[in-house]
Amino acid sequence: MSRQRLFSSDEIINALVRCGFELHGKAPKNHQGLTRPRPGGRRHDVTSVPIGKREIPKGTFHSILELANVDYDDFLECAKVKRKGRKRKK
């Protein structure tokens, strides 16, 4: 597995908005709430992201993705970041 990049809170929030989430309002203690409406009028998924952090720790980042029910590869597409891989020799 390759080394994963650390994202800032602003990058995470912007990428989740591109993935279909909507800003829900500030949660207490400097967190931003994001919701994604489900089809059929069912309950919304709510995800909370800390605000004002330059780098979100890897464990916290994975917890955010788990709560948001977003795969890492899907997140990279929404974040418009190219996945780093090994270059092949010709």
PDB file of N, CA and C in Angstrom:
ATOM      1  N   MET A   1       0.843  -1.175   0.000  1.00  0.00           N
ATOM      2  CA  MET A   1       0.000   0.000   0.000  1.00  0.00           C
ATOM      3  C   MET A   1       0.888   1.238   0.000  1.00  0.00           C
ATOM      4  N   SER A   2       0.522   2.183  -0.809  1.00  0.00           N
ATOM      5  CA  SER A   2       1.322   3.394  -0.898  1.00  0.00           C
ATOM      6  C   SER A   2       0.995   4.336   0.260  1.00  0.00           C
ATOM      7  N   ARG A   3       1.881   5.238   0.468  1.00  0.00           N
ATOM      8  CA  ARG A   3       1.698   6.216   1.536  1.00  0.00           C
ATOM      9  C   ARG A   3       0.600   7.198   1.144  1.00  0.00           C
ATOM     10  N   GLN A   4      -0.341   7.412   2.071  1.00  0.00           N
ATOM     11  CA  GLN A   4      -1.458   8.299   1.770  1.00  0.00           C
ATOM     12  C   GLN A   4      -1.128   9.723   2.166  1.00  0.00           C
ATOM     13  N   ARG A   5      -1.661  10.627   1.390  1.00  0.00           N
ATOM     14  CA  ARG A   5      -1.456  12.056   1.608  1.00  0.00           C
ATOM     15  C   ARG A   5      -2.340  12.530   2.747  1.00  0.00           C
ATOM     16  N   LEU A   6      -1.861  13.507   3.516  1.00  0.00           N
ATOM     17  CA  LEU A   6      -2.678  14.129   4.552  1.00  0.00           C
ATOM     18  C   LEU A   6      -3.410  15.321   3.945  1.00  0.00           C
ATOM     19  N   PHE A   7      -4.689  15.456   4.287  1.00  0.00           N
ATOM     20  CA  PHE A   7      -5.519  16.523   3.754  1.00  0.00           C
ATOM     21  C   PHE A   7      -5.838  17.524   4.854  1.00  0.00           C
ATOM     22  N   SER A   8      -6.053  18.779   4.452  1.00  0.00           N
ATOM     23  CA  SER A   8      -6.497  19.796   5.404  1.00  0.00           C
ATOM     24  C   SER A   8      -8.008  19.679   5.556  1.00  0.00           C
ATOM     25  N   SER A   9      -8.548  20.310   6.580  1.00  0.00           N
ATOM     26  CA  SER A   9      -9.992  20.243   6.803  1.00  0.00           C
ATOM     27  C   SER A   9     -10.750  20.905   5.658  1.00  0.00           C
ATOM     28  N   ASP A  10     -10.222  21.996   5.104  1.00  0.00           N
ATOM     29  CA  ASP A  10     -10.878  22.665   3.973  1.00  0.00           C
ATOM     30  C   ASP A  10     -10.917  21.767   2.738  1.00  0.00           C
ATOM     31  N   GLU A  11      -9.822  21.040   2.477  1.00  0.00           N
ATOM     32  CA  GLU A  11      -9.791  20.127   1.334  1.00  0.00           C
ATOM     33  C   GLU A  11     -10.804  18.998   1.501  1.00  0.00           C
ATOM     34  N   ILE A  12     -10.934  18.476   2.713  1.00  0.00           N
ATOM     35  CA  ILE A  12     -11.883  17.394   2.969  1.00  0.00           C
ATOM     36  C   ILE A  12     -13.312  17.888   2.786  1.00  0.00           C
ATOM     37  N   ILE A  13     -13.624  19.051   3.333  1.00  0.00           N
ATOM     38  CA  ILE A  13     -14.978  19.601   3.221  1.00  0.00           C
ATOM     39  C   ILE A  13     -15.326  19.872   1.761  1.00  0.00           C
ATOM     40  N   ASN A  14     -14.408  20.480   1.003  1.00  0.00           N
ATOM     41  CA  ASN A  14     -14.670  20.774  -0.409  1.00  0.00           C
ATOM     42  C   ASN A  14     -14.854  19.496  -1.224  1.00  0.00           C
ATOM     43  N   ALA A  15     -14.056  18.471  -0.940  1.00  0.00           N
ATOM     44  CA  ALA A  15     -14.182  17.206  -1.672  1.00  0.00           C
ATOM     45  C   ALA A  15     -15.504  16.514  -1.353  1.00  0.00           C
ATOM     46  N   LEU A  16     -15.933  16.551  -0.093  1.00  0.00           N
ATOM     47  CA  LEU A  16     -17.203  15.926   0.259  1.00  0.00           C
ATOM     48  C   LEU A  16     -18.381  16.668  -0.362  1.00  0.00           C
ATOM     49  N   VAL A  17     -18.265  17.984  -0.494  1.00  0.00           N
ATOM     50  CA  VAL A  17     -19.321  18.753  -1.166  1.00  0.00           C
ATOM     51  C   VAL A  17     -19.385  18.338  -2.635  1.00  0.00           C
ATOM     52  N   ARG A  18     -18.234  18.116  -3.270  1.00  0.00           N
ATOM     53  CA  ARG A  18     -18.215  17.651  -4.661  1.00  0.00           C
ATOM     54  C   ARG A  18     -18.776  16.238  -4.787  1.00  0.00           C
ATOM     55  N   CYS A  19     -18.693  15.447  -3.713  1.00  0.00           N
ATOM     56  CA  CYS A  19     -19.229  14.071  -3.712  1.00  0.00           C
ATOM     57  C   CYS A  19     -20.733  14.038  -3.469  1.00  0.00           C
ATOM     58  N   GLY A  20     -21.357  15.171  -3.251  1.00  0.00           N
ATOM     59  CA  GLY A  20     -22.801  15.195  -3.093  1.00  0.00           C
ATOM     60  C   GLY A  20     -23.295  15.562  -1.708  1.00  0.00           C
ATOM     61  N   PHE A  21     -22.407  15.927  -0.805  1.00  0.00           N
ATOM     62  CA  PHE A  21     -22.802  16.333   0.536  1.00  0.00           C
ATOM     63  C   PHE A  21     -23.210  17.801   0.531  1.00  0.00           C
ATOM     64  N   GLU A  22     -24.011  18.190   1.505  1.00  0.00           N
ATOM     65  CA  GLU A  22     -24.420  19.578   1.675  1.00  0.00           C
ATOM     66  C   GLU A  22     -23.992  20.037   3.060  1.00  0.00           C
ATOM     67  N   LEU A  23     -23.626  21.316   3.166  1.00  0.00           N
ATOM     68  CA  LEU A  23     -23.243  21.861   4.465  1.00  0.00           C
ATOM     69  C   LEU A  23     -24.478  21.889   5.360  1.00  0.00           C
ATOM     70  N   HIS A  24     -24.305  21.401   6.581  1.00  0.00           N
ATOM     71  CA  HIS A  24     -25.435  21.260   7.502  1.00  0.00           C
ATOM     72  C   HIS A  24     -25.438  22.347   8.568  1.00  0.00           C
ATOM     73  N   GLY A  25     -24.357  23.062   8.707  1.00  0.00           N
ATOM     74  CA  GLY A  25     -24.236  24.074   9.762  1.00  0.00           C
ATOM     75  C   GLY A  25     -23.132  23.662  10.713  1.00  0.00           C
ATOM     76  N   LYS A  26     -22.652  24.630  11.450  1.00  0.00           N
ATOM     77  CA  LYS A  26     -21.558  24.333  12.369  1.00  0.00           C
ATOM     78  C   LYS A  26     -22.053  23.527  13.547  1.00  0.00           C
ATOM     79  N   ALA A  27     -21.307  22.503  13.866  1.00  0.00           N
ATOM     80  CA  ALA A  27     -21.548  21.738  15.077  1.00  0.00           C
ATOM     81  C   ALA A  27     -20.758  22.415  16.187  1.00  0.00           C
ATOM     82  N   PRO A  28     -21.062  22.124  17.441  1.00  0.00           N
ATOM     83  CA  PRO A  28     -20.305  22.751  18.519  1.00  0.00           C
ATOM     84  C   PRO A  28     -18.820  22.372  18.476  1.00  0.00           C
ATOM     85  N   LYS A  29     -17.995  23.207  19.043  1.00  0.00           N
ATOM     86  CA  LYS A  29     -16.552  22.958  19.184  1.00  0.00           C
ATOM     87  C   LYS A  29     -15.808  22.889  17.853  1.00  0.00           C
ATOM     88  N   ASN A  30     -16.092  23.824  16.946  1.00  0.00           N
ATOM     89  CA  ASN A  30     -15.321  23.971  15.710  1.00  0.00           C
ATOM     90  C   ASN A  30     -15.377  22.764  14.789  1.00  0.00           C
ATOM     91  N   HIS A  31     -16.535  22.240  14.553  1.00  0.00           N
ATOM     92  CA  HIS A  31     -16.726  21.165  13.594  1.00  0.00           C
ATOM     93  C   HIS A  31     -17.782  21.597  12.575  1.00  0.00           C
ATOM     94  N   GLN A  32     -17.622  21.135  11.343  1.00  0.00           N
ATOM     95  CA  GLN A  32     -18.582  21.417  10.282  1.00  0.00           C
ATOM     96  C   GLN A  32     -19.392  20.157  10.027  1.00  0.00           C
ATOM     97  N   GLY A  33     -20.698  20.282  10.060  1.00  0.00           N
ATOM     98  CA  GLY A  33     -21.570  19.156   9.768  1.00  0.00           C
ATOM     99  C   GLY A  33     -21.886  19.106   8.290  1.00  0.00           C
ATOM    100  N   LEU A  34     -21.874  17.906   7.728  1.00  0.00           N
ATOM    101  CA  LEU A  34     -22.214  17.691   6.324  1.00  0.00           C
ATOM    102  C   LEU A  34     -23.255  16.586   6.248  1.00  0.00           C
ATOM    103  N   THR A  35     -24.249  16.752   5.377  1.00  0.00           N
ATOM    104  CA  THR A  35     -25.270  15.731   5.201  1.00  0.00           C
ATOM    105  C   THR A  35     -25.347  15.340   3.737  1.00  0.00           C
ATOM    106  N   ARG A  36     -25.747  14.081   3.527  1.00  0.00           N
ATOM    107  CA  ARG A  36     -25.998  13.614   2.168  1.00  0.00           C
ATOM    108  C   ARG A  36     -27.406  13.053   2.140  1.00  0.00           C
ATOM    109  N   PRO A  37     -28.294  13.662   1.355  1.00  0.00           N
ATOM    110  CA  PRO A  37     -29.664  13.156   1.308  1.00  0.00           C
ATOM    111  C   PRO A  37     -29.713  11.775   0.679  1.00  0.00           C
ATOM    112  N   ARG A  38     -30.563  10.936   1.222  1.00  0.00           N
ATOM    113  CA  ARG A  38     -30.759   9.600   0.680  1.00  0.00           C
ATOM    114  C   ARG A  38     -32.017   9.583  -0.174  1.00  0.00           C
ATOM    115  N   PRO A  39     -32.048   8.727  -1.174  1.00  0.00           N
ATOM    116  CA  PRO A  39     -33.256   8.654  -1.998  1.00  0.00           C
ATOM    117  C   PRO A  39     -34.427   8.087  -1.202  1.00  0.00           C
ATOM    118  N   GLY A  40     -35.612   8.489  -1.559  1.00  0.00           N
ATOM    119  CA  GLY A  40     -36.806   7.971  -0.903  1.00  0.00           C
ATOM    120  C   GLY A  40     -37.174   8.713   0.362  1.00  0.00           C
ATOM    121  N   GLY A  41     -36.520   9.832   0.642  1.00  0.00           N
ATOM    122  CA  GLY A  41     -36.863  10.628   1.815  1.00  0.00           C
ATOM    123  C   GLY A  41     -36.427  10.015   3.128  1.00  0.00           C
ATOM    124  N   ARG A  42     -35.532   9.030   3.082  1.00  0.00           N
ATOM    125  CA  ARG A  42     -35.055   8.436   4.327  1.00  0.00           C
ATOM    126  C   ARG A  42     -34.133   9.402   5.053  1.00  0.00           C
ATOM    127  N   ARG A  43     -33.738   9.015   6.247  1.00  0.00           N
ATOM    128  CA  ARG A  43     -32.893   9.846   7.087  1.00  0.00           C
ATOM    129  C   ARG A  43     -31.569  10.194   6.404  1.00  0.00           C
ATOM    130  N   HIS A  44     -31.067  11.377   6.645  1.00  0.00           N
ATOM    131  CA  HIS A  44     -29.812  11.828   6.048  1.00  0.00           C
ATOM    132  C   HIS A  44     -28.621  11.253   6.813  1.00  0.00           C
ATOM    133  N   ASP A  45     -27.533  11.000   6.067  1.00  0.00           N
ATOM    134  CA  ASP A  45     -26.269  10.643   6.700  1.00  0.00           C
ATOM    135  C   ASP A  45     -25.599  11.931   7.147  1.00  0.00           C
ATOM    136  N   VAL A  46     -25.102  11.971   8.375  1.00  0.00           N
ATOM    137  CA  VAL A  46     -24.444  13.168   8.896  1.00  0.00           C
ATOM    138  C   VAL A  46     -22.985  12.840   9.182  1.00  0.00           C
ATOM    139  N   THR A  47     -22.099  13.689   8.697  1.00  0.00           N
ATOM    140  CA  THR A  47     -20.665  13.542   8.906  1.00  0.00           C
ATOM    141  C   THR A  47     -20.141  14.837   9.490  1.00  0.00           C
ATOM    142  N   SER A  48     -19.217  14.739  10.446  1.00  0.00           N
ATOM    143  CA  SER A  48     -18.646  15.901  11.102  1.00  0.00           C
ATOM    144  C   SER A  48     -17.152  15.983  10.794  1.00  0.00           C
ATOM    145  N   VAL A  49     -16.694  17.179  10.385  1.00  0.00           N
ATOM    146  CA  VAL A  49     -15.286  17.397  10.044  1.00  0.00           C
ATOM    147  C   VAL A  49     -14.764  18.561  10.871  1.00  0.00           C
ATOM    148  N   PRO A  50     -13.592  18.406  11.535  1.00  0.00           N
ATOM    149  CA  PRO A  50     -13.021  19.527  12.289  1.00  0.00           C
ATOM    150  C   PRO A  50     -12.656  20.684  11.359  1.00  0.00           C
ATOM    151  N   ILE A  51     -12.809  21.911  11.838  1.00  0.00           N
ATOM    152  CA  ILE A  51     -12.535  23.106  11.039  1.00  0.00           C
ATOM    153  C   ILE A  51     -11.192  23.700  11.462  1.00  0.00           C
ATOM    154  N   GLY A  52     -10.461  24.241  10.490  1.00  0.00           N
ATOM    155  CA  GLY A  52      -9.261  25.014  10.780  1.00  0.00           C
ATOM    156  C   GLY A  52      -8.012  24.198  11.037  1.00  0.00           C
ATOM    157  N   LYS A  53      -7.962  22.975  10.545  1.00  0.00           N
ATOM    158  CA  LYS A  53      -6.766  22.135  10.732  1.00  0.00           C
ATOM    159  C   LYS A  53      -5.989  22.083   9.426  1.00  0.00           C
ATOM    160  N   ARG A  54      -4.681  22.254   9.526  1.00  0.00           N
ATOM    161  CA  ARG A  54      -3.837  22.167   8.329  1.00  0.00           C
ATOM    162  C   ARG A  54      -3.722  20.737   7.847  1.00  0.00           C
ATOM    163  N   GLU A  55      -3.589  19.805   8.780  1.00  0.00           N
ATOM    164  CA  GLU A  55      -3.500  18.387   8.431  1.00  0.00           C
ATOM    165  C   GLU A  55      -4.370  17.599   9.389  1.00  0.00           C
ATOM    166  N   ILE A  56      -5.278  16.815   8.842  1.00  0.00           N
ATOM    167  CA  ILE A  56      -6.112  15.929   9.640  1.00  0.00           C
ATOM    168  C   ILE A  56      -5.339  14.622   9.815  1.00  0.00           C
ATOM    169  N   PRO A  57      -5.212  14.106  11.033  1.00  0.00           N
ATOM    170  CA  PRO A  57      -4.500  12.841  11.235  1.00  0.00           C
ATOM    171  C   PRO A  57      -5.124  11.704  10.432  1.00  0.00           C
ATOM    172  N   LYS A  58      -4.282  10.727  10.081  1.00  0.00           N
ATOM    173  CA  LYS A  58      -4.715   9.635   9.214  1.00  0.00           C
ATOM    174  C   LYS A  58      -5.899   8.865   9.797  1.00  0.00           C
ATOM    175  N   GLY A  59      -5.888   8.582  11.090  1.00  0.00           N
ATOM    176  CA  GLY A  59      -6.979   7.850  11.725  1.00  0.00           C
ATOM    177  C   GLY A  59      -8.282   8.626  11.707  1.00  0.00           C
ATOM    178  N   THR A  60      -8.202   9.929  11.952  1.00  0.00           N
ATOM    179  CA  THR A  60      -9.386  10.785  11.910  1.00  0.00           C
ATOM    180  C   THR A  60      -9.931  10.856  10.490  1.00  0.00           C
ATOM    181  N   PHE A  61      -9.045  10.944   9.515  1.00  0.00           N
ATOM    182  CA  PHE A  61      -9.450  10.992   8.119  1.00  0.00           C
ATOM    183  C   PHE A  61     -10.203   9.725   7.723  1.00  0.00           C
ATOM    184  N   HIS A  62      -9.684   8.569   8.133  1.00  0.00           N
ATOM    185  CA  HIS A  62     -10.356   7.305   7.811  1.00  0.00           C
ATOM    186  C   HIS A  62     -11.704   7.199   8.521  1.00  0.00           C
ATOM    187  N   SER A  63     -11.810   7.741   9.719  1.00  0.00           N
ATOM    188  CA  SER A  63     -13.093   7.748  10.423  1.00  0.00           C
ATOM    189  C   SER A  63     -14.109   8.637   9.702  1.00  0.00           C
ATOM    190  N   ILE A  64     -13.650   9.772   9.179  1.00  0.00           N
ATOM    191  CA  ILE A  64     -14.533  10.659   8.429  1.00  0.00           C
ATOM    192  C   ILE A  64     -15.045   9.946   7.180  1.00  0.00           C
ATOM    193  N   LEU A  65     -14.151   9.260   6.461  1.00  0.00           N
ATOM    194  CA  LEU A  65     -14.567   8.534   5.260  1.00  0.00           C
ATOM    195  C   LEU A  65     -15.538   7.409   5.596  1.00  0.00           C
ATOM    196  N   GLU A  66     -15.312   6.749   6.729  1.00  0.00           N
ATOM    197  CA  GLU A  66     -16.201   5.673   7.147  1.00  0.00           C
ATOM    198  C   GLU A  66     -17.593   6.215   7.496  1.00  0.00           C
ATOM    199  N   LEU A  67     -17.640   7.325   8.231  1.00  0.00           N
ATOM    200  CA  LEU A  67     -18.924   7.939   8.557  1.00  0.00           C
ATOM    201  C   LEU A  67     -19.644   8.431   7.299  1.00  0.00           C
ATOM    202  N   ALA A  68     -18.878   8.953   6.349  1.00  0.00           N
ATOM    203  CA  ALA A  68     -19.457   9.473   5.122  1.00  0.00           C
ATOM    204  C   ALA A  68     -19.816   8.363   4.146  1.00  0.00           C
ATOM    205  N   ASN A  69     -19.328   7.156   4.405  1.00  0.00           N
ATOM    206  CA  ASN A  69     -19.561   6.010   3.527  1.00  0.00           C
ATOM    207  C   ASN A  69     -19.007   6.294   2.131  1.00  0.00           C
ATOM    208  N   VAL A  70     -17.773   6.803   2.103  1.00  0.00           N
ATOM    209  CA  VAL A  70     -17.090   7.139   0.861  1.00  0.00           C
ATOM    210  C   VAL A  70     -15.783   6.360   0.816  1.00  0.00           C
ATOM    211  N   ASP A  71     -15.515   5.708  -0.298  1.00  0.00           N
ATOM    212  CA  ASP A  71     -14.281   4.969  -0.497  1.00  0.00           C
ATOM    213  C   ASP A  71     -13.125   5.952  -0.735  1.00  0.00           C
ATOM    214  N   TYR A  72     -11.902   5.543  -0.390  1.00  0.00           N
ATOM    215  CA  TYR A  72     -10.742   6.418  -0.541  1.00  0.00           C
ATOM    216  C   TYR A  72     -10.545   6.821  -1.998  1.00  0.00           C
ATOM    217  N   ASP A  73     -10.704   5.871  -2.931  1.00  0.00           N
ATOM    218  CA  ASP A  73     -10.525   6.184  -4.346  1.00  0.00           C
ATOM    219  C   ASP A  73     -11.594   7.172  -4.828  1.00  0.00           C
ATOM    220  N   ASP A  74     -12.829   6.996  -4.370  1.00  0.00           N
ATOM    221  CA  ASP A  74     -13.892   7.939  -4.723  1.00  0.00           C
ATOM    222  C   ASP A  74     -13.599   9.323  -4.153  1.00  0.00           C
ATOM    223  N   PHE A  75     -13.054   9.352  -2.938  1.00  0.00           N
ATOM    224  CA  PHE A  75     -12.693  10.628  -2.326  1.00  0.00           C
ATOM    225  C   PHE A  75     -11.618  11.337  -3.150  1.00  0.00           C
ATOM    226  N   LEU A  76     -10.614  10.582  -3.616  1.00  0.00           N
ATOM    227  CA  LEU A  76      -9.554  11.195  -4.427  1.00  0.00           C
ATOM    228  C   LEU A  76     -10.105  11.777  -5.720  1.00  0.00           C
ATOM    229  N   GLU A  77     -11.089  11.097  -6.326  1.00  0.00           N
ATOM    230  CA  GLU A  77     -11.708  11.638  -7.538  1.00  0.00           C
ATOM    231  C   GLU A  77     -12.444  12.936  -7.232  1.00  0.00           C
ATOM    232  N   CYS A  78     -13.163  12.971  -6.109  1.00  0.00           N
ATOM    233  CA  CYS A  78     -13.893  14.187  -5.732  1.00  0.00           C
ATOM    234  C   CYS A  78     -12.939  15.307  -5.335  1.00  0.00           C
ATOM    235  N   ALA A  79     -11.808  14.940  -4.750  1.00  0.00           N
ATOM    236  CA  ALA A  79     -10.825  15.934  -4.321  1.00  0.00           C
ATOM    237  C   ALA A  79      -9.970  16.417  -5.490  1.00  0.00           C
ATOM    238  N   LYS A  80     -10.125  15.767  -6.645  1.00  0.00           N
ATOM    239  CA  LYS A  80      -9.362  16.101  -7.849  1.00  0.00           C
ATOM    240  C   LYS A  80      -7.863  15.991  -7.606  1.00  0.00           C
ATOM    241  N   VAL A  81      -7.486  14.891  -6.945  1.00  0.00           N
ATOM    242  CA  VAL A  81      -6.082  14.618  -6.660  1.00  0.00           C
ATOM    243  C   VAL A  81      -5.708  13.343  -7.402  1.00  0.00           C
ATOM    244  N   LYS A  82      -4.573  13.366  -8.060  1.00  0.00           N
ATOM    245  CA  LYS A  82      -4.121  12.171  -8.764  1.00  0.00           C
ATOM    246  C   LYS A  82      -3.509  11.196  -7.766  1.00  0.00           C
ATOM    247  N   ARG A  83      -3.825   9.936  -7.948  1.00  0.00           N
ATOM    248  CA  ARG A  83      -3.265   8.897  -7.081  1.00  0.00           C
ATOM    249  C   ARG A  83      -1.830   8.641  -7.496  1.00  0.00           C
ATOM    250  N   LYS A  84      -0.947   8.617  -6.515  1.00  0.00           N
ATOM    251  CA  LYS A  84       0.459   8.378  -6.803  1.00  0.00           C
ATOM    252  C   LYS A  84       0.702   6.879  -6.867  1.00  0.00           C
ATOM    253  N   GLY A  85       1.496   6.493  -7.819  1.00  0.00           N
ATOM    254  CA  GLY A  85       1.848   5.088  -7.970  1.00  0.00           C
ATOM    255  C   GLY A  85       3.262   4.993  -8.489  1.00  0.00           C
ATOM    256  N   ARG A  86       3.720   3.784  -8.557  1.00  0.00           N
ATOM    257  CA  ARG A  86       5.066   3.577  -9.077  1.00  0.00           C
ATOM    258  C   ARG A  86       5.080   3.750 -10.582  1.00  0.00           C
ATOM    259  N   LYS A  87       6.105   4.391 -11.073  1.00  0.00           N
ATOM    260  CA  LYS A  87       6.248   4.573 -12.504  1.00  0.00           C
ATOM    261  C   LYS A  87       6.875   3.317 -13.082  1.00  0.00           C
ATOM    262  N   ARG A  88       6.349   2.897 -14.198  1.00  0.00           N
ATOM    263  CA  ARG A  88       6.894   1.709 -14.860  1.00  0.00           C
ATOM    264  C   ARG A  88       8.073   2.085 -15.743  1.00  0.00           C
ATOM    265  N   LYS A  89       9.060   1.219 -15.753  1.00  0.00           N
ATOM    266  CA  LYS A  89      10.196   1.420 -16.637  1.00  0.00           C
ATOM    267  C   LYS A  89       9.871   0.810 -17.986  1.00  0.00           C
ATOM    268  N   LYS A  90      10.246   1.510 -19.036  1.00  0.00           N
ATOM    269  CA  LYS A  90       9.984   1.004 -20.397  1.00  0.00           C
ATOM    270  C   LYS A  90      11.125   0.179 -20.868  1.00  0.00           C
TER     271      LYS A  90
END
